[in-house]
Amino acid sequence: MSMLTPPGMGGKYRITGDKYPRMRRPRRRGRLVLGVVASAAALSLVGWGTLQLIDVFTGGGDQASAAGSKTNCTTKAGASPSVSAAPLLKPGQITVNVLNATPRGGLAKKTADELKKRGFKIGNVGNATATYDKKVKGTAVLLGPSSALKTSLPVLNTQLASAETRTDTRKTTDLDLIIGTAFKTLTPKPAADKALTTLNAPAPAATGSKKHCG
């Protein structure tokens, strides 16, 4: 029996001669798996870097930034912001003081009577104060508080389009129509009515005012 034959074993299990099979070392599967994982990670990193470079050179990065910024809104050119203006008053809501700053008599009363026929309320009628008496060279001066610039002065101005509009520090809402040297008569009623209708017409909606949000 050979020394390589385990005790108690014989027959076909007996090992004879001086040769015996070599035992292979176990494969290091752990290292193989680790190498495969590392290779896959390296390939993924290279692919991601390539995509980033493509985005930079093709502008994809800008699109991604725009897509991720929902609050970045821009208004197209030509758009005008809506402004809530004070409503215009009707002639019946406006009180007008008619004052004569010329040496011609009777102009204040005649003008006041015509304004009354056109629906305006009439306050004081008489001569202008020393501040304006014989010092108004134009057709007339329409005078009122600053709050009247967008509410009542434009309405009165339709009755005398060539008049000059001014404001002062008065606390009341009434207006002064101070007749000047060049005054002849009020604007003819048909033209004044047309101007008043145009003044009260709603403004057309602004075009191109839509906002674009990326």
Protein backbone atom coordinates (compact mmCIF):
# COMPACT_ATOMS: atom_id res chain seq x y z
CA MET A 1 0.00 0.00 0.00
CA SER A 2 1.30 3.37 -0.86
CA MET A 3 1.89 5.94 1.77
CA LEU A 4 -0.63 8.13 -0.06
CA THR A 5 -3.44 5.67 0.45
CA PRO A 6 -5.47 6.62 3.48
CA PRO A 7 -5.74 3.92 6.12
CA GLY A 8 -8.65 1.53 5.63
CA MET A 9 -8.96 2.27 1.92
CA GLY A 10 -7.94 -0.20 -0.68
CA GLY A 11 -9.10 -1.72 -3.87
CA LYS A 12 -10.02 0.80 -6.49
CA TYR A 13 -9.37 3.63 -4.08
CA ARG A 14 -5.77 2.51 -3.67
CA ILE A 15 -3.23 4.98 -4.91
CA THR A 16 -0.17 3.45 -6.43
CA GLY A 17 2.97 4.86 -7.89
CA ASP A 18 4.73 8.07 -7.15
CA LYS A 19 2.36 10.41 -9.09
CA TYR A 20 -0.70 12.08 -7.67
CA PRO A 21 -3.13 14.70 -8.98
CA ARG A 22 -2.28 18.31 -8.35
CA MET A 23 -4.87 20.35 -6.40
CA ARG A 24 -5.69 23.70 -8.10
CA ARG A 25 -5.82 26.80 -6.02
CA PRO A 26 -9.37 28.19 -5.58
CA ARG A 27 -10.13 31.04 -7.94
CA ARG A 28 -10.30 34.42 -6.37
CA ARG A 29 -13.86 35.25 -7.40
CA GLY A 30 -14.03 38.20 -5.02
CA ARG A 31 -11.31 40.03 -6.91
CA LEU A 32 -12.99 39.27 -10.23
CA VAL A 33 -16.35 40.67 -9.10
CA LEU A 34 -14.68 43.76 -7.67
CA GLY A 35 -12.86 44.34 -10.96
CA VAL A 36 -16.09 44.10 -12.95
CA VAL A 37 -17.88 46.57 -10.65
CA ALA A 38 -14.96 49.03 -10.81
CA SER A 39 -14.91 48.83 -14.61
CA ALA A 40 -18.65 49.49 -14.85
CA ALA A 41 -18.35 52.49 -12.50
CA ALA A 42 -15.48 53.91 -14.54
CA LEU A 43 -17.47 53.56 -17.77
CA SER A 44 -20.49 55.25 -16.21
CA LEU A 45 -18.34 58.16 -15.01
CA VAL A 46 -16.80 58.60 -18.44
CA GLY A 47 -20.25 58.53 -20.07
CA TRP A 48 -21.64 61.12 -17.63
CA GLY A 49 -18.68 63.43 -18.24
CA THR A 50 -19.17 63.12 -21.99
CA LEU A 51 -22.84 64.11 -21.69
CA GLN A 52 -21.91 67.13 -19.60
CA LEU A 53 -19.45 68.30 -22.24
CA ILE A 54 -22.09 67.87 -24.94
CA ASP A 55 -24.58 69.94 -22.93
CA VAL A 56 -22.03 72.73 -22.45
CA PHE A 57 -21.21 73.01 -26.14
CA THR A 58 -24.79 72.61 -27.39
CA GLY A 59 -26.49 74.88 -24.85
CA GLY A 60 -28.27 72.04 -23.11
CA GLY A 61 -27.10 73.33 -19.75
CA ASP A 62 -28.85 76.64 -20.31
CA GLN A 63 -32.08 74.84 -21.18
CA ALA A 64 -31.81 72.73 -18.05
CA SER A 65 -31.26 75.85 -15.95
CA ALA A 66 -34.25 77.54 -17.53
CA ALA A 67 -36.42 74.46 -17.01
CA GLY A 68 -35.51 74.30 -13.35
CA SER A 69 -36.22 77.97 -12.67
CA LYS A 70 -39.98 78.33 -12.79
CA THR A 71 -39.94 81.76 -11.16
CA ASN A 72 -37.81 83.32 -13.89
CA CYS A 73 -40.49 85.19 -15.82
CA THR A 74 -39.87 87.84 -18.42
CA THR A 75 -42.32 90.25 -19.98
CA LYS A 76 -42.25 90.54 -23.74
CA ALA A 77 -41.22 93.84 -25.27
CA GLY A 78 -44.04 96.25 -25.87
CA ALA A 79 -45.98 95.21 -22.83
CA SER A 80 -47.15 97.94 -20.54
CA PRO A 81 -48.15 97.34 -16.93
CA SER A 82 -51.79 97.95 -16.13
CA VAL A 83 -52.34 101.02 -13.98
CA SER A 84 -55.61 101.52 -12.12
CA ALA A 85 -56.56 105.13 -12.89
CA ALA A 86 -59.15 107.13 -10.94
CA PRO A 87 -62.50 107.21 -12.74
CA LEU A 88 -63.47 110.37 -14.63
CA LEU A 89 -66.30 112.40 -13.17
CA LYS A 90 -69.46 113.30 -15.02
CA PRO A 91 -70.28 116.98 -15.72
CA GLY A 92 -73.06 116.82 -13.11
CA GLN A 93 -70.48 115.90 -10.46
CA ILE A 94 -68.24 118.89 -11.17
CA THR A 95 -68.73 122.36 -9.71
CA VAL A 96 -67.19 125.18 -11.76
CA ASN A 97 -66.45 128.74 -10.59
CA VAL A 98 -66.48 131.03 -13.64
CA LEU A 99 -64.23 134.05 -13.17
CA ASN A 100 -63.56 136.89 -15.62
CA ALA A 101 -59.96 138.11 -15.83
CA THR A 102 -60.64 140.48 -18.78
CA PRO A 103 -61.94 144.07 -18.89
CA ARG A 104 -64.97 142.89 -20.90
CA GLY A 105 -68.11 142.67 -18.84
CA GLY A 106 -70.69 139.87 -18.88
CA LEU A 107 -68.33 137.07 -20.01
CA ALA A 108 -68.45 135.17 -16.72
CA LYS A 109 -72.25 134.99 -16.56
CA LYS A 110 -72.66 134.11 -20.24
CA THR A 111 -70.08 131.33 -19.99
CA ALA A 112 -71.56 130.02 -16.74
CA ASP A 113 -75.03 129.82 -18.27
CA GLU A 114 -73.69 127.79 -21.20
CA LEU A 115 -71.80 125.39 -18.93
CA LYS A 116 -74.95 124.89 -16.88
CA LYS A 117 -76.84 123.92 -20.04
CA ARG A 118 -74.15 121.32 -20.71
CA GLY A 119 -74.70 119.67 -17.34
CA PHE A 120 -72.05 121.27 -15.10
CA LYS A 121 -72.79 122.65 -11.66
CA ILE A 122 -72.02 126.34 -11.27
CA GLY A 123 -70.42 127.85 -8.18
CA ASN A 124 -69.15 131.43 -7.94
CA VAL A 125 -69.54 133.76 -10.92
CA GLY A 126 -67.68 137.06 -11.03
CA ASN A 127 -64.33 138.73 -11.50
CA ALA A 128 -61.00 136.95 -11.07
CA THR A 129 -58.79 137.59 -8.06
CA ALA A 130 -55.83 139.98 -8.24
CA THR A 131 -53.51 137.05 -8.90
CA TYR A 132 -55.12 136.48 -12.31
CA ASP A 133 -57.06 139.68 -13.12
CA LYS A 134 -55.90 141.00 -16.51
CA LYS A 135 -52.91 138.62 -16.36
CA VAL A 136 -54.27 135.70 -18.38
CA LYS A 137 -53.18 136.29 -21.96
CA GLY A 138 -54.47 133.01 -23.37
CA THR A 139 -57.98 131.69 -23.78
CA ALA A 140 -58.48 130.61 -20.17
CA VAL A 141 -56.95 128.89 -17.16
CA LEU A 142 -58.59 125.82 -15.66
CA LEU A 143 -57.57 125.64 -12.01
CA GLY A 144 -58.19 122.90 -9.45
CA PRO A 145 -56.60 120.61 -6.83
CA SER A 146 -53.96 118.10 -7.87
CA SER A 147 -56.47 115.31 -7.31
CA ALA A 148 -58.53 116.73 -10.20
CA LEU A 149 -55.83 116.17 -12.83
CA LYS A 150 -57.20 112.73 -13.72
CA THR A 151 -60.84 113.08 -12.61
CA SER A 152 -62.50 116.44 -13.36
CA LEU A 153 -60.07 118.82 -15.08
CA PRO A 154 -59.94 116.71 -18.28
CA VAL A 155 -63.74 116.72 -18.39
CA LEU A 156 -63.94 120.52 -18.11
CA ASN A 157 -61.14 120.82 -20.67
CA THR A 158 -63.37 119.20 -23.32
CA GLN A 159 -65.49 122.36 -23.18
CA LEU A 160 -62.53 124.65 -23.85
CA ALA A 161 -59.72 122.62 -25.42
CA SER A 162 -57.33 125.57 -25.79
CA ALA A 163 -57.37 126.39 -22.06
CA GLU A 164 -54.32 125.98 -19.84
CA THR A 165 -54.63 123.51 -16.94
CA ARG A 166 -53.08 124.24 -13.55
CA THR A 167 -53.34 122.98 -9.98
CA ASP A 168 -53.18 124.65 -6.56
CA THR A 169 -53.35 123.64 -2.91
CA ARG A 170 -57.08 124.12 -2.34
CA LYS A 171 -58.85 121.66 -0.08
CA THR A 172 -62.11 121.61 -2.04
CA THR A 173 -62.89 119.73 -5.25
CA ASP A 174 -64.44 122.65 -7.19
CA LEU A 175 -62.73 124.03 -10.29
CA ASP A 176 -62.08 127.58 -11.53
CA LEU A 177 -62.52 128.58 -15.15
CA ILE A 178 -60.65 131.88 -15.39
CA ILE A 179 -61.46 133.62 -18.66
CA GLY A 180 -58.43 135.15 -20.41
CA THR A 181 -57.89 137.90 -22.95
CA ALA A 182 -58.01 135.59 -26.00
CA PHE A 183 -61.32 134.01 -24.97
CA LYS A 184 -64.19 134.19 -27.47
CA THR A 185 -66.55 131.32 -26.68
CA LEU A 186 -66.65 127.76 -25.42
CA THR A 187 -65.94 124.86 -27.77
CA PRO A 188 -69.10 124.24 -29.86
CA LYS A 189 -71.28 121.69 -28.10
CA PRO A 190 -71.15 118.93 -30.81
CA ALA A 191 -67.32 119.02 -30.75
CA ALA A 192 -67.28 119.15 -26.95
CA ASP A 193 -69.67 116.17 -26.72
CA LYS A 194 -67.51 114.19 -29.13
CA ALA A 195 -64.38 114.99 -27.10
CA LEU A 196 -66.19 113.94 -23.92
CA THR A 197 -67.27 110.63 -25.49
CA THR A 198 -63.72 109.93 -26.62
CA LEU A 199 -62.41 110.77 -23.16
CA ASN A 200 -64.77 108.28 -21.52
CA ALA A 201 -64.14 105.50 -24.05
CA PRO A 202 -62.27 102.51 -22.52
CA ALA A 203 -58.64 102.24 -23.52
CA PRO A 204 -57.85 99.36 -25.92
CA ALA A 205 -56.28 96.30 -24.34
CA ALA A 206 -52.49 96.28 -24.58
CA THR A 207 -51.10 93.64 -26.92
CA GLY A 208 -47.96 91.60 -26.34
CA SER A 209 -48.23 91.85 -22.60
CA LYS A 210 -48.15 88.11 -21.90
CA LYS A 211 -45.46 86.85 -19.58
CA HIS A 212 -43.24 83.98 -20.54
CA CYS A 213 -42.05 81.81 -17.72
CA GLY A 214 -39.25 79.36 -18.39
